[in-house]
Amino acid sequence: MLIFAPKSQYIEIMTQQEIGFAIKERRKKLGINQQTLADLASVAINTVVAIERGEGNPQLATLLTILDTLGLQIDINIKLLDYETV
């Protein structure tokens, strides 16, 4: 399960497109353009554009940097599955 939201509220998001949309909406709410976000997060503008479109496969560190820059966070819950060995 992937959880993505402002630090005070949690919203479940399942797709890259939804994550990109949430990033774009937060950026617009803050009144900054893509170039400014790219500069603040120290990433290429092409990276911001691709993420907002739900395209590409950004490194987790890059995504976390962009989210932090926007005051957002991502919470990933990983469950260990026990498999019986035969």
C-alpha atoms as a PDB file:
ATOM      1  CA  MET A   1       0.000   0.000   0.000  1.00  0.00           C
ATOM      2  CA  LEU A   2       1.271   3.460  -0.877  1.00  0.00           C
ATOM      3  CA  ILE A   3       0.286   6.393   1.327  1.00  0.00           C
ATOM      4  CA  PHE A   4       0.892   9.923   0.095  1.00  0.00           C
ATOM      5  CA  ALA A   5      -0.340  13.146   1.667  1.00  0.00           C
ATOM      6  CA  PRO A   6       0.456  16.388   3.419  1.00  0.00           C
ATOM      7  CA  LYS A   7       2.154  15.606   6.716  1.00  0.00           C
ATOM      8  CA  SER A   8      -1.077  16.195   8.676  1.00  0.00           C
ATOM      9  CA  GLN A   9      -3.422  14.043   6.547  1.00  0.00           C
ATOM     10  CA  TYR A  10      -3.201  10.723   4.742  1.00  0.00           C
ATOM     11  CA  ILE A  11      -4.692   9.860   1.363  1.00  0.00           C
ATOM     12  CA  GLU A  12      -4.185   6.510  -0.299  1.00  0.00           C
ATOM     13  CA  ILE A  13      -2.844   6.752  -3.830  1.00  0.00           C
ATOM     14  CA  MET A  14      -2.383   3.773  -6.075  1.00  0.00           C
ATOM     15  CA  THR A  15      -0.985   4.941  -9.420  1.00  0.00           C
ATOM     16  CA  GLN A  16       1.910   6.997 -10.761  1.00  0.00           C
ATOM     17  CA  GLN A  17      -0.590   9.282 -12.461  1.00  0.00           C
ATOM     18  CA  GLU A  18      -2.314  10.023  -9.154  1.00  0.00           C
ATOM     19  CA  ILE A  19       1.011  10.752  -7.460  1.00  0.00           C
ATOM     20  CA  GLY A  20       1.962  13.076 -10.309  1.00  0.00           C
ATOM     21  CA  PHE A  21      -1.395  14.819 -10.112  1.00  0.00           C
ATOM     22  CA  ALA A  22      -1.038  15.309  -6.345  1.00  0.00           C
ATOM     23  CA  ILE A  23       2.450  16.786  -6.800  1.00  0.00           C
ATOM     24  CA  LYS A  24       1.206  19.112  -9.536  1.00  0.00           C
ATOM     25  CA  GLU A  25      -1.765  20.269  -7.442  1.00  0.00           C
ATOM     26  CA  ARG A  26       0.437  20.928  -4.391  1.00  0.00           C
ATOM     27  CA  ARG A  27       2.950  22.839  -6.523  1.00  0.00           C
ATOM     28  CA  LYS A  28       0.176  24.996  -7.969  1.00  0.00           C
ATOM     29  CA  LYS A  29      -1.335  25.559  -4.522  1.00  0.00           C
ATOM     30  CA  LEU A  30       2.066  26.857  -3.379  1.00  0.00           C
ATOM     31  CA  GLY A  31       2.163  29.151  -6.422  1.00  0.00           C
ATOM     32  CA  ILE A  32       5.408  27.876  -7.900  1.00  0.00           C
ATOM     33  CA  ASN A  33       6.130  26.766 -11.441  1.00  0.00           C
ATOM     34  CA  GLN A  34       7.870  23.579 -12.536  1.00  0.00           C
ATOM     35  CA  GLN A  35      11.226  25.280 -13.023  1.00  0.00           C
ATOM     36  CA  THR A  36      11.147  26.720  -9.500  1.00  0.00           C
ATOM     37  CA  LEU A  37      10.276  23.318  -8.037  1.00  0.00           C
ATOM     38  CA  ALA A  38      13.096  21.736 -10.020  1.00  0.00           C
ATOM     39  CA  ASP A  39      15.535  24.373  -8.763  1.00  0.00           C
ATOM     40  CA  LEU A  40      14.410  24.047  -5.130  1.00  0.00           C
ATOM     41  CA  ALA A  41      14.624  20.256  -5.263  1.00  0.00           C
ATOM     42  CA  SER A  42      17.903  20.292  -7.246  1.00  0.00           C
ATOM     43  CA  VAL A  43      16.499  18.112 -10.014  1.00  0.00           C
ATOM     44  CA  ALA A  44      16.113  18.596 -13.750  1.00  0.00           C
ATOM     45  CA  ILE A  45      12.912  20.231 -14.942  1.00  0.00           C
ATOM     46  CA  ASN A  46      12.364  17.221 -17.222  1.00  0.00           C
ATOM     47  CA  THR A  47      12.184  15.088 -14.078  1.00  0.00           C
ATOM     48  CA  VAL A  48       9.449  17.277 -12.576  1.00  0.00           C
ATOM     49  CA  VAL A  49       7.510  17.294 -15.849  1.00  0.00           C
ATOM     50  CA  ALA A  50       7.717  13.489 -16.186  1.00  0.00           C
ATOM     51  CA  ILE A  51       6.667  12.867 -12.580  1.00  0.00           C
ATOM     52  CA  GLU A  52       3.707  15.231 -12.855  1.00  0.00           C
ATOM     53  CA  ARG A  53       2.597  13.402 -16.009  1.00  0.00           C
ATOM     54  CA  GLY A  54       2.880  10.053 -14.236  1.00  0.00           C
ATOM     55  CA  GLU A  55       5.632   9.007 -16.619  1.00  0.00           C
ATOM     56  CA  GLY A  56       9.112   7.689 -16.170  1.00  0.00           C
ATOM     57  CA  ASN A  57      10.554   5.822 -13.255  1.00  0.00           C
ATOM     58  CA  PRO A  58      12.200   8.303 -10.875  1.00  0.00           C
ATOM     59  CA  GLN A  59      14.593   7.112  -8.218  1.00  0.00           C
ATOM     60  CA  LEU A  60      12.985   6.979  -4.788  1.00  0.00           C
ATOM     61  CA  ALA A  61      15.481   9.553  -3.475  1.00  0.00           C
ATOM     62  CA  THR A  62      14.435  11.985  -6.220  1.00  0.00           C
ATOM     63  CA  LEU A  63      10.753  11.513  -5.480  1.00  0.00           C
ATOM     64  CA  LEU A  64      11.364  11.962  -1.740  1.00  0.00           C
ATOM     65  CA  THR A  65      13.305  15.174  -2.369  1.00  0.00           C
ATOM     66  CA  ILE A  66      10.489  16.626  -4.477  1.00  0.00           C
ATOM     67  CA  LEU A  67       7.876  15.611  -1.910  1.00  0.00           C
ATOM     68  CA  ASP A  68       9.895  17.118   0.936  1.00  0.00           C
ATOM     69  CA  THR A  69      10.339  20.339  -1.027  1.00  0.00           C
ATOM     70  CA  LEU A  70       6.551  20.550  -1.333  1.00  0.00           C
ATOM     71  CA  GLY A  71       5.962  19.694   2.332  1.00  0.00           C
ATOM     72  CA  LEU A  72       4.568  16.269   1.432  1.00  0.00           C
ATOM     73  CA  GLN A  73       5.590  12.812   2.532  1.00  0.00           C
ATOM     74  CA  ILE A  74       5.232   9.257   1.315  1.00  0.00           C
ATOM     75  CA  ASP A  75       4.758   6.314   3.630  1.00  0.00           C
ATOM     76  CA  ILE A  76       5.366   2.827   2.310  1.00  0.00           C
ATOM     77  CA  ASN A  77       4.277  -0.156   4.348  1.00  0.00           C
ATOM     78  CA  ILE A  78       6.105  -3.348   3.490  1.00  0.00           C
ATOM     79  CA  LYS A  79       4.830  -6.654   4.796  1.00  0.00           C
ATOM     80  CA  LEU A  80       7.117  -9.644   5.105  1.00  0.00           C
ATOM     81  CA  LEU A  81       5.379 -12.711   3.756  1.00  0.00           C
ATOM     82  CA  ASP A  82       6.287 -16.024   5.323  1.00  0.00           C
ATOM     83  CA  TYR A  83       6.650 -18.760   2.756  1.00  0.00           C
ATOM     84  CA  GLU A  84       6.812 -22.350   3.830  1.00  0.00           C
ATOM     85  CA  THR A  85       9.822 -24.146   2.447  1.00  0.00           C
ATOM     86  CA  VAL A  86       9.079 -27.596   1.141  1.00  0.00           C
END
